[in-house]
Amino acid sequence: MEKNKVIITVLGKDTVGIIAKVCTYLAENEINILDISQTIVSGYFNMMMIADLSSSAKEFSVISSDLEEVGKELGVSVKCQREEIFERMHRI
């Protein structure tokens, strides 16, 4: 487990441009997507990504806040969690 890995989740009503907008933000900030999964169920969009922040100049807290703002613009929920926190939360 690397300390620069994060889990990014996106959930909400499916609309045009969700993937494009989130991935554009990541690319512009030198954040590499390591793995990605997305589904649409009954009109609801769900995406989970594992990303590497190693090359980004921005701090985790800024990236997390920026992604929440991107989500608000799109009308979806975008959450960014450090991998180690995510792992600990889901061990129970």
C-alpha atoms as a PDB file:
ATOM      1  CA  MET A   1       0.000   0.000   0.000  1.00  0.00           C
ATOM      2  CA  GLU A   2       1.495   3.299  -1.114  1.00  0.00           C
ATOM      3  CA  LYS A   3       0.793   6.474   0.840  1.00  0.00           C
ATOM      4  CA  ASN A   4       0.090   8.436  -2.346  1.00  0.00           C
ATOM      5  CA  LYS A   5      -2.730   6.168  -3.495  1.00  0.00           C
ATOM      6  CA  VAL A   6      -6.302   7.384  -3.142  1.00  0.00           C
ATOM      7  CA  ILE A   7      -9.759   5.975  -3.776  1.00  0.00           C
ATOM      8  CA  ILE A   8     -12.033   8.343  -5.698  1.00  0.00           C
ATOM      9  CA  THR A   9     -15.745   7.556  -5.815  1.00  0.00           C
ATOM     10  CA  VAL A  10     -18.379   9.270  -7.929  1.00  0.00           C
ATOM     11  CA  LEU A  11     -22.084   8.632  -7.387  1.00  0.00           C
ATOM     12  CA  GLY A  12     -25.202  10.308  -8.717  1.00  0.00           C
ATOM     13  CA  LYS A  13     -27.741  10.644 -11.473  1.00  0.00           C
ATOM     14  CA  ASP A  14     -26.118   9.874 -14.823  1.00  0.00           C
ATOM     15  CA  THR A  15     -25.409  12.944 -16.960  1.00  0.00           C
ATOM     16  CA  VAL A  16     -23.207  13.680 -19.951  1.00  0.00           C
ATOM     17  CA  GLY A  17     -19.585  14.511 -19.132  1.00  0.00           C
ATOM     18  CA  ILE A  18     -19.068  13.045 -15.669  1.00  0.00           C
ATOM     19  CA  ILE A  19     -16.076  10.892 -16.635  1.00  0.00           C
ATOM     20  CA  ALA A  20     -14.646  13.605 -18.893  1.00  0.00           C
ATOM     21  CA  LYS A  21     -14.812  16.330 -16.237  1.00  0.00           C
ATOM     22  CA  VAL A  22     -13.342  14.197 -13.417  1.00  0.00           C
ATOM     23  CA  CYS A  23     -10.588  12.744 -15.625  1.00  0.00           C
ATOM     24  CA  THR A  24      -9.727  16.191 -17.052  1.00  0.00           C
ATOM     25  CA  TYR A  25      -9.203  17.491 -13.506  1.00  0.00           C
ATOM     26  CA  LEU A  26      -6.979  14.511 -12.696  1.00  0.00           C
ATOM     27  CA  ALA A  27      -4.911  14.876 -15.887  1.00  0.00           C
ATOM     28  CA  GLU A  28      -4.462  18.637 -15.408  1.00  0.00           C
ATOM     29  CA  ASN A  29      -3.098  17.962 -11.913  1.00  0.00           C
ATOM     30  CA  GLU A  30      -0.724  15.129 -12.873  1.00  0.00           C
ATOM     31  CA  ILE A  31      -2.819  12.515 -11.056  1.00  0.00           C
ATOM     32  CA  ASN A  32      -2.462   9.066 -12.601  1.00  0.00           C
ATOM     33  CA  ILE A  33      -5.451   6.711 -12.713  1.00  0.00           C
ATOM     34  CA  LEU A  34      -4.235   3.220 -11.806  1.00  0.00           C
ATOM     35  CA  ASP A  35      -7.576   1.425 -11.998  1.00  0.00           C
ATOM     36  CA  ILE A  36     -11.126   2.425 -12.849  1.00  0.00           C
ATOM     37  CA  SER A  37     -14.546   0.829 -12.748  1.00  0.00           C
ATOM     38  CA  GLN A  38     -17.847   2.434 -13.655  1.00  0.00           C
ATOM     39  CA  THR A  39     -21.424   1.268 -13.957  1.00  0.00           C
ATOM     40  CA  ILE A  40     -24.812   2.782 -14.623  1.00  0.00           C
ATOM     41  CA  VAL A  41     -27.759   1.165 -12.861  1.00  0.00           C
ATOM     42  CA  SER A  42     -31.301   2.444 -13.476  1.00  0.00           C
ATOM     43  CA  GLY A  43     -29.974   5.857 -14.481  1.00  0.00           C
ATOM     44  CA  TYR A  44     -27.541   6.179 -11.562  1.00  0.00           C
ATOM     45  CA  PHE A  45     -23.840   6.552 -12.268  1.00  0.00           C
ATOM     46  CA  ASN A  46     -21.254   4.866 -10.035  1.00  0.00           C
ATOM     47  CA  MET A  47     -17.491   5.100 -10.583  1.00  0.00           C
ATOM     48  CA  MET A  48     -14.569   4.058  -8.440  1.00  0.00           C
ATOM     49  CA  MET A  49     -10.963   4.885  -9.242  1.00  0.00           C
ATOM     50  CA  ILE A  50      -7.656   4.147  -7.646  1.00  0.00           C
ATOM     51  CA  ALA A  51      -5.273   7.005  -8.392  1.00  0.00           C
ATOM     52  CA  ASP A  52      -1.678   7.945  -7.634  1.00  0.00           C
ATOM     53  CA  LEU A  53      -0.993  11.487  -6.377  1.00  0.00           C
ATOM     54  CA  SER A  54       2.825  11.143  -6.420  1.00  0.00           C
ATOM     55  CA  SER A  55       3.349  13.525  -9.348  1.00  0.00           C
ATOM     56  CA  SER A  56       0.783  16.146  -8.330  1.00  0.00           C
ATOM     57  CA  ALA A  57       1.952  19.482  -6.951  1.00  0.00           C
ATOM     58  CA  LYS A  58      -1.263  19.808  -4.932  1.00  0.00           C
ATOM     59  CA  GLU A  59      -1.800  18.527  -1.399  1.00  0.00           C
ATOM     60  CA  PHE A  60      -4.328  15.749  -0.773  1.00  0.00           C
ATOM     61  CA  SER A  61      -6.704  18.105   1.064  1.00  0.00           C
ATOM     62  CA  VAL A  62      -6.791  20.532  -1.884  1.00  0.00           C
ATOM     63  CA  ILE A  63      -7.371  17.721  -4.398  1.00  0.00           C
ATOM     64  CA  SER A  64     -10.153  16.283  -2.242  1.00  0.00           C
ATOM     65  CA  SER A  65     -11.842  19.684  -1.947  1.00  0.00           C
ATOM     66  CA  ASP A  66     -11.426  20.420  -5.667  1.00  0.00           C
ATOM     67  CA  LEU A  67     -12.993  17.075  -6.588  1.00  0.00           C
ATOM     68  CA  GLU A  68     -15.970  17.764  -4.309  1.00  0.00           C
ATOM     69  CA  GLU A  69     -16.445  21.051  -6.203  1.00  0.00           C
ATOM     70  CA  VAL A  70     -16.245  19.250  -9.551  1.00  0.00           C
ATOM     71  CA  GLY A  71     -18.958  16.925  -8.258  1.00  0.00           C
ATOM     72  CA  LYS A  72     -21.171  19.843  -7.209  1.00  0.00           C
ATOM     73  CA  GLU A  73     -20.852  21.350 -10.694  1.00  0.00           C
ATOM     74  CA  LEU A  74     -21.973  18.011 -12.162  1.00  0.00           C
ATOM     75  CA  GLY A  75     -24.686  17.321  -9.587  1.00  0.00           C
ATOM     76  CA  VAL A  76     -22.953  14.183  -8.288  1.00  0.00           C
ATOM     77  CA  SER A  77     -21.061  13.236  -5.138  1.00  0.00           C
ATOM     78  CA  VAL A  78     -17.279  12.928  -5.541  1.00  0.00           C
ATOM     79  CA  LYS A  79     -15.273  11.668  -2.571  1.00  0.00           C
ATOM     80  CA  CYS A  80     -11.532  11.188  -2.324  1.00  0.00           C
ATOM     81  CA  GLN A  81     -10.044   9.059   0.472  1.00  0.00           C
ATOM     82  CA  ARG A  82      -6.513   7.952   1.186  1.00  0.00           C
ATOM     83  CA  GLU A  83      -6.162   4.261   0.424  1.00  0.00           C
ATOM     84  CA  GLU A  84      -4.964   3.358   3.931  1.00  0.00           C
ATOM     85  CA  ILE A  85      -8.020   5.036   5.520  1.00  0.00           C
ATOM     86  CA  PHE A  86     -10.332   3.299   3.064  1.00  0.00           C
ATOM     87  CA  GLU A  87      -8.684  -0.059   3.831  1.00  0.00           C
ATOM     88  CA  ARG A  88      -9.017   0.429   7.613  1.00  0.00           C
ATOM     89  CA  MET A  89     -12.673   1.505   7.366  1.00  0.00           C
ATOM     90  CA  HIS A  90     -13.617  -1.578   5.383  1.00  0.00           C
ATOM     91  CA  ARG A  91     -11.777  -4.165   7.493  1.00  0.00           C
ATOM     92  CA  ILE A  92     -14.493  -4.330  10.146  1.00  0.00           C
END
